[in-house]
Every structure is written in C-alpha cells, then in structure tokens.
N, C-alpha and C. Protein backbone atom coordinates (compact mmCIF):
# COMPACT_ATOMS: atom_id res chain seq x y z
N MET A 1 -9.78 -13.07 166.78
CA MET A 1 -8.45 -12.32 166.15
C MET A 1 -8.07 -13.54 165.14
N GLY A 2 -7.14 -14.54 165.49
CA GLY A 2 -7.33 -14.96 164.14
C GLY A 2 -7.74 -15.72 163.50
N LYS A 3 -9.63 -15.63 163.55
CA LYS A 3 -10.67 -15.43 162.78
C LYS A 3 -10.44 -14.38 162.22
N LEU A 4 -10.40 -13.57 162.25
CA LEU A 4 -10.73 -11.85 161.38
C LEU A 4 -10.26 -11.98 160.91
N LYS A 5 -8.15 -11.81 161.06
CA LYS A 5 -7.45 -12.54 159.94
C LYS A 5 -7.04 -13.15 159.20
N PHE A 6 -7.68 -14.16 159.35
CA PHE A 6 -8.05 -15.33 158.15
C PHE A 6 -8.50 -14.51 156.52
N PHE A 7 -10.58 -13.95 157.55
CA PHE A 7 -10.67 -13.02 156.94
C PHE A 7 -10.19 -12.70 156.26
N ALA A 8 -9.64 -11.50 156.55
CA ALA A 8 -9.11 -10.29 155.68
C ALA A 8 -8.28 -11.01 154.44
N VAL A 9 -7.26 -11.92 154.70
CA VAL A 9 -6.79 -12.68 153.57
C VAL A 9 -7.57 -13.10 152.56
N ILE A 10 -8.41 -13.53 153.14
CA ILE A 10 -9.39 -13.96 152.46
C ILE A 10 -10.15 -13.64 151.67
N VAL A 11 -10.30 -12.37 151.88
CA VAL A 11 -10.57 -11.21 150.78
C VAL A 11 -10.44 -10.67 149.74
N VAL A 12 -8.54 -10.26 151.02
CA VAL A 12 -7.71 -9.55 150.22
C VAL A 12 -7.78 -10.11 148.96
N MET A 13 -6.96 -11.45 149.07
CA MET A 13 -6.72 -12.99 148.13
C MET A 13 -7.97 -12.69 147.12
N TYR A 14 -9.52 -12.29 147.06
CA TYR A 14 -10.53 -12.40 146.41
C TYR A 14 -10.05 -10.50 145.46
N LEU A 15 -10.08 -10.06 146.98
CA LEU A 15 -9.56 -8.82 145.34
C LEU A 15 -8.39 -9.00 144.14
N VAL A 16 -7.64 -9.51 144.81
CA VAL A 16 -6.33 -9.73 144.24
C VAL A 16 -7.16 -9.78 142.81
N TYR A 17 -7.42 -11.22 142.78
CA TYR A 17 -7.64 -12.28 142.34
C TYR A 17 -8.37 -11.75 140.83
N LEU A 18 -9.48 -10.41 141.65
CA LEU A 18 -11.21 -9.77 140.65
C LEU A 18 -10.26 -8.72 139.38
N GLY A 19 -9.35 -8.39 140.51
CA GLY A 19 -8.75 -7.21 139.15
C GLY A 19 -7.88 -8.03 138.63
N PHE A 20 -6.82 -8.94 138.74
CA PHE A 20 -6.05 -9.82 137.93
C PHE A 20 -6.95 -10.40 136.67
N SER A 21 -7.85 -10.77 137.22
CA SER A 21 -8.79 -11.49 135.92
C SER A 21 -9.98 -11.02 134.86
N LYS A 22 -10.17 -9.30 135.80
CA LYS A 22 -10.30 -8.22 134.91
C LYS A 22 -9.62 -7.57 134.01
N ILE A 23 -8.22 -7.75 134.17
CA ILE A 23 -7.40 -6.76 133.67
C ILE A 23 -6.91 -7.80 132.31
N MET A 24 -7.19 -9.58 132.18
CA MET A 24 -6.49 -10.61 131.54
C MET A 24 -7.87 -10.21 130.94
N ASP A 25 -9.07 -10.25 131.28
CA ASP A 25 -10.21 -10.21 129.90
C ASP A 25 -9.93 -8.68 129.01
N THR A 26 -9.35 -7.91 129.69
CA THR A 26 -8.99 -6.36 128.89
C THR A 26 -8.65 -7.12 128.32
N SER A 27 -6.85 -7.83 127.94
CA SER A 27 -5.93 -7.50 127.73
C SER A 27 -6.48 -9.07 126.26
N LEU A 28 -7.67 -9.34 126.05
CA LEU A 28 -8.09 -11.15 126.01
C LEU A 28 -8.95 -10.11 124.04
N LEU A 29 -9.49 -9.00 124.95
CA LEU A 29 -10.92 -8.68 124.64
C LEU A 29 -9.05 -7.31 122.32
N VAL A 30 -8.57 -6.59 123.76
CA VAL A 30 -7.69 -5.74 122.61
C VAL A 30 -7.57 -7.12 121.73
N SER A 31 -6.46 -8.19 121.61
CA SER A 31 -5.82 -8.55 121.13
C SER A 31 -6.70 -9.97 120.41
N GLU A 32 -8.18 -9.84 120.48
CA GLU A 32 -8.97 -10.09 119.72
C GLU A 32 -9.50 -9.35 118.23
N LYS A 33 -10.07 -7.59 118.91
CA LYS A 33 -10.30 -6.90 118.00
C LYS A 33 -8.41 -6.46 117.01
N ILE A 34 -7.43 -6.50 117.25
CA ILE A 34 -6.70 -6.53 116.69
C ILE A 34 -6.17 -7.77 115.91
N ASN A 35 -6.69 -8.75 115.79
CA ASN A 35 -6.66 -9.68 115.09
C ASN A 35 -7.58 -9.96 113.89
N LYS A 36 -9.44 -9.20 114.50
CA LYS A 36 -10.00 -9.25 113.33
C LYS A 36 -9.63 -7.67 112.82
N LYS A 37 -8.31 -6.45 113.17
CA LYS A 37 -8.19 -5.82 111.91
C LYS A 37 -7.62 -6.40 110.75
N LEU A 38 -6.15 -7.55 112.01
CA LEU A 38 -4.99 -7.90 110.64
C LEU A 38 -6.20 -9.03 109.48
N ASP A 39 -6.74 -9.85 109.47
CA ASP A 39 -7.62 -10.49 109.24
C ASP A 39 -7.47 -10.67 107.89
N ILE A 40 -7.00 -9.76 107.11
CA ILE A 40 -7.07 -9.29 105.40
C ILE A 40 -6.96 -10.54 104.41
N GLU A 41 -6.93 -12.19 104.83
CA GLU A 41 -6.55 -12.80 104.69
C GLU A 41 -7.81 -13.33 104.23
N ASP A 42 -9.25 -12.40 104.29
CA ASP A 42 -10.53 -13.42 104.42
C ASP A 42 -11.33 -13.77 102.83
N VAL A 43 -10.22 -12.75 102.69
CA VAL A 43 -10.95 -12.65 101.33
C VAL A 43 -9.72 -13.51 100.27
N GLU A 44 -11.13 -14.33 99.04
CA GLU A 44 -10.91 -14.88 98.20
C GLU A 44 -9.99 -14.47 97.53
N LYS A 45 -8.37 -14.29 97.01
CA LYS A 45 -7.64 -13.93 96.11
C LYS A 45 -7.32 -15.22 95.14
N GLU A 46 -7.05 -14.50 94.20
CA GLU A 46 -6.50 -15.21 92.66
C GLU A 46 -5.02 -15.51 92.70
N THR A 47 -4.13 -16.61 93.32
CA THR A 47 -2.91 -16.58 93.58
C THR A 47 -1.66 -17.81 93.31
N THR A 48 -0.25 -17.19 92.77
CA THR A 48 0.45 -18.29 92.12
C THR A 48 0.39 -18.94 93.95
N ALA A 49 0.23 -20.70 94.24
CA ALA A 49 0.67 -21.05 95.57
C ALA A 49 0.56 -22.51 95.22
N ILE A 50 1.51 -23.89 95.91
CA ILE A 50 2.28 -25.22 96.03
C ILE A 50 1.09 -25.22 95.87
N GLY A 51 0.95 -26.51 95.98
CA GLY A 51 -0.37 -27.81 96.31
C GLY A 51 0.29 -29.23 96.10
N LEU A 52 -0.38 -29.38 97.62
CA LEU A 52 -0.56 -31.13 97.32
C LEU A 52 -1.50 -31.58 96.51
N ILE A 53 -1.30 -32.47 95.81
CA ILE A 53 -2.74 -33.02 95.39
C ILE A 53 -2.62 -34.29 94.94
N MET A 54 -4.09 -34.79 95.54
CA MET A 54 -4.53 -36.25 95.45
C MET A 54 -4.88 -36.65 94.11
N TYR A 55 -4.16 -37.77 93.57
CA TYR A 55 -5.00 -38.08 93.06
C TYR A 55 -5.42 -39.60 92.73
N LEU A 56 -7.21 -39.94 92.34
CA LEU A 56 -7.56 -41.65 92.32
C LEU A 56 -8.27 -41.51 91.38
N GLY A 57 -7.79 -43.02 91.25
CA GLY A 57 -8.59 -44.22 90.36
C GLY A 57 -8.01 -43.95 89.00
N ASN A 58 -8.71 -44.52 87.16
CA ASN A 58 -7.84 -45.27 86.75
C ASN A 58 -9.00 -44.49 85.62
N PRO A 59 -8.43 -43.68 84.81
CA PRO A 59 -8.03 -42.44 85.25
C PRO A 59 -7.21 -42.10 86.24
N PRO A 60 -6.68 -41.65 86.93
CA PRO A 60 -6.53 -40.37 87.89
C PRO A 60 -7.58 -39.74 87.95
N VAL A 61 -8.14 -39.11 88.95
CA VAL A 61 -8.81 -37.48 88.89
C VAL A 61 -8.43 -37.21 90.27
N MET A 62 -8.55 -36.01 90.03
CA MET A 62 -8.51 -34.83 91.29
C MET A 62 -9.27 -34.76 92.26
N LYS A 63 -9.23 -35.45 93.14
CA LYS A 63 -9.56 -35.65 94.69
C LYS A 63 -9.76 -34.58 95.41
N GLU A 64 -8.30 -33.67 96.44
CA GLU A 64 -8.79 -33.35 96.73
C GLU A 64 -7.09 -32.49 96.94
N HIS A 65 -6.89 -31.19 97.26
CA HIS A 65 -5.79 -30.26 97.97
C HIS A 65 -5.65 -29.81 98.53
N LEU A 66 -4.15 -29.14 98.54
CA LEU A 66 -4.08 -29.34 100.04
C LEU A 66 -3.42 -27.32 99.77
N PHE A 67 -3.10 -26.59 100.29
CA PHE A 67 -2.09 -25.62 100.40
C PHE A 67 -0.91 -26.28 101.72
N MET A 68 0.83 -25.55 100.79
CA MET A 68 1.25 -25.93 101.01
C MET A 68 2.44 -24.78 101.62
N HIS A 69 2.96 -24.40 102.27
CA HIS A 69 3.86 -23.28 102.50
C HIS A 69 5.34 -23.24 101.58
N SER A 70 5.84 -24.47 101.61
CA SER A 70 6.42 -24.41 100.80
C SER A 70 7.12 -25.99 100.39
N ASN A 71 7.62 -25.56 98.79
CA ASN A 71 8.76 -27.23 98.26
C ASN A 71 8.31 -27.84 98.56
N GLU A 72 9.47 -27.52 99.90
CA GLU A 72 11.01 -29.23 100.84
C GLU A 72 9.24 -29.32 101.63
N ASP A 73 8.20 -28.77 102.20
CA ASP A 73 7.47 -29.57 103.58
C ASP A 73 5.94 -30.22 102.52
N CYS A 74 5.97 -29.23 101.79
CA CYS A 74 5.14 -30.21 100.18
C CYS A 74 5.22 -31.28 100.08
N LEU A 75 6.74 -31.30 99.96
CA LEU A 75 7.72 -32.63 99.15
C LEU A 75 7.65 -33.89 100.56
N ILE A 76 8.07 -33.25 101.43
CA ILE A 76 8.06 -34.33 102.47
C ILE A 76 6.86 -34.67 102.81
N LYS A 77 6.12 -34.06 103.10
CA LYS A 77 4.25 -34.84 103.45
C LYS A 77 3.81 -35.78 101.88
N LYS A 78 4.53 -35.18 100.67
CA LYS A 78 3.84 -36.40 100.42
C LYS A 78 4.30 -37.59 100.20
N ASP A 79 6.11 -37.98 100.33
CA ASP A 79 6.48 -38.94 100.26
C ASP A 79 5.68 -39.36 102.03
N ILE A 80 4.85 -38.88 102.75
CA ILE A 80 5.17 -39.32 104.11
C ILE A 80 3.14 -40.08 103.76
N ALA A 81 2.38 -38.66 102.75
CA ALA A 81 1.08 -39.29 102.20
C ALA A 81 1.81 -40.76 101.40
N GLU A 82 2.55 -40.71 100.24
CA GLU A 82 2.61 -42.20 99.81
C GLU A 82 2.97 -43.45 100.77
N LEU A 83 3.70 -42.86 101.01
CA LEU A 83 4.16 -44.42 102.02
C LEU A 83 2.13 -44.46 102.53
N THR A 84 1.21 -44.22 103.07
CA THR A 84 0.35 -44.31 103.53
C THR A 84 -1.14 -44.48 103.44
N SER A 85 -0.98 -44.46 101.55
CA SER A 85 -2.25 -44.31 101.31
C SER A 85 -1.71 -44.75 99.51
N SER A 86 -2.71 -44.96 99.21
CA SER A 86 -2.34 -45.74 97.69
C SER A 86 -3.14 -44.70 96.12
N ALA A 87 -3.28 -43.54 96.97
CA ALA A 87 -3.46 -42.85 95.90
C ALA A 87 -2.34 -41.96 95.70
N ILE A 88 -2.17 -41.06 95.02
CA ILE A 88 -0.43 -41.11 93.37
C ILE A 88 -1.07 -39.28 93.92
N TYR A 89 -0.15 -39.15 94.65
CA TYR A 89 0.50 -37.42 94.89
C TYR A 89 1.24 -36.66 94.45
N LYS A 90 1.14 -35.17 94.02
CA LYS A 90 1.56 -34.44 92.93
C LYS A 90 2.11 -33.05 93.81
N CYS A 91 3.46 -32.67 94.10
CA CYS A 91 3.00 -31.52 94.63
C CYS A 91 3.14 -30.29 93.48
N LEU A 92 2.34 -29.80 93.32
CA LEU A 92 2.38 -28.74 92.28
C LEU A 92 2.46 -27.15 92.45
N LYS A 93 3.04 -26.00 91.85
CA LYS A 93 2.65 -25.00 91.75
C LYS A 93 1.51 -24.73 90.47
N VAL A 94 0.45 -24.25 91.48
CA VAL A 94 -1.04 -23.80 90.82
C VAL A 94 -0.91 -22.31 90.41
N ASP A 95 -2.03 -22.36 89.82
CA ASP A 95 -2.57 -21.12 89.95
C ASP A 95 -3.56 -21.21 90.97
N ALA A 96 -4.97 -20.45 92.09
CA ALA A 96 -5.53 -21.10 92.31
C ALA A 96 -5.90 -19.88 93.32
N VAL A 97 -7.65 -20.29 92.78
CA VAL A 97 -8.34 -19.18 94.47
C VAL A 97 -8.02 -20.00 95.68
N VAL A 98 -7.51 -18.29 96.62
CA VAL A 98 -6.71 -19.13 97.08
C VAL A 98 -7.40 -18.57 99.13
N LYS A 99 -7.95 -18.32 99.22
CA LYS A 99 -8.92 -18.58 101.09
C LYS A 99 -8.72 -18.11 102.98
N ASN A 100 -7.96 -17.66 103.17
CA ASN A 100 -7.63 -18.21 104.43
C ASN A 100 -5.69 -20.03 104.29
N LYS A 101 -5.69 -18.91 103.83
CA LYS A 101 -4.90 -20.03 103.90
C LYS A 101 -5.09 -21.72 103.25
N LYS A 102 -6.21 -22.11 102.74
CA LYS A 102 -6.73 -23.17 102.13
C LYS A 102 -6.70 -22.48 100.31
N ILE A 103 -7.00 -23.09 99.15
CA ILE A 103 -7.06 -23.74 98.19
C ILE A 103 -8.55 -24.35 97.84
N VAL A 104 -8.64 -22.78 97.87
CA VAL A 104 -10.83 -23.18 97.45
C VAL A 104 -11.52 -23.65 95.56
N SER A 105 -9.81 -23.23 94.73
CA SER A 105 -10.29 -24.12 93.15
C SER A 105 -9.10 -24.01 92.66
N ILE A 106 -8.37 -25.23 92.12
CA ILE A 106 -7.23 -24.92 91.46
C ILE A 106 -6.96 -24.08 89.90
N ILE A 107 -7.08 -23.09 89.28
CA ILE A 107 -7.81 -22.92 88.06
C ILE A 107 -6.63 -22.44 86.52
N LYS A 108 -5.17 -23.75 87.28
CA LYS A 108 -4.16 -24.01 86.53
C LYS A 108 -2.77 -25.15 86.80
N GLU A 109 -2.99 -25.73 86.77
CA GLU A 109 -1.32 -26.01 87.19
C GLU A 109 -0.67 -25.48 85.88
N ILE A 110 0.85 -24.77 86.76
CA ILE A 110 1.39 -24.70 86.18
C ILE A 110 2.86 -25.50 86.33
N GLU A 111 3.42 -25.69 86.93
CA GLU A 111 4.96 -27.53 87.01
C GLU A 111 4.42 -27.92 88.35
N VAL A 112 5.27 -29.53 87.75
CA VAL A 112 5.32 -29.63 89.14
C VAL A 112 6.84 -29.90 89.99
N ILE A 113 6.93 -30.13 91.69
CA ILE A 113 7.78 -29.49 91.81
C ILE A 113 8.80 -31.65 92.02
N LYS A 114 9.99 -31.63 91.94
CA LYS A 114 10.05 -33.00 91.90
C LYS A 114 11.80 -32.30 93.31
C-alpha cells in the first residue's frame, strides 16, 4: 500500500509540473507576440540623437559612434573611455539615421555637449 501511495504522489506531482510548464510556455508565447507588435523601432529613421563619437589618427577621423540616452550618460562614458584609451572622444548632438537605438550613420554634427 505504501508503494501505491508513493507512485500516486509522483504521478500527481508530474501532472502539476506539466500543467505549470504549459501555462509558462503560453505566457512566453504571448509576451513574444506583444514584443513583436511593439517593436516599431525596427525601422531606420532620421532623427536628432546624442552620440559618443570616437576619433583616431592625425588629423582625427571619426571611427566609431554610439547612441546615448542622455547628455549625462554620454559625458560619464566619455570620461571613462578617455581614461582607458588614447583615442579622442566627443559627445555630440547629431542628425543621424537610427535603427533599434543604434546610430547607423551620421548625417550632420549639430553641437558638442560639454
């Protein structure tokens, strides 16, 4: 009789596990569908953005650019980058082509952020 109870408990636990995993899989699928519908940022658009720009060489030539969310964030990361690199860094407000919160190309430099 003890083995039968043990087997019944194992079966019930397994059924609970299957039900729980089915619910979790369904909620993950729903969240993925919502994320796809809300992912409007997937389109390239021309906008004004703040970028951390890296210059190398003599005369300095732009080599890399990185999208920044705020002026303060850009200035903090600029200071860190200058401590760990010999490149020249500038925080700039630029007209740029942006896709998925990444600067694809810079059209025009508007102003230097200090």
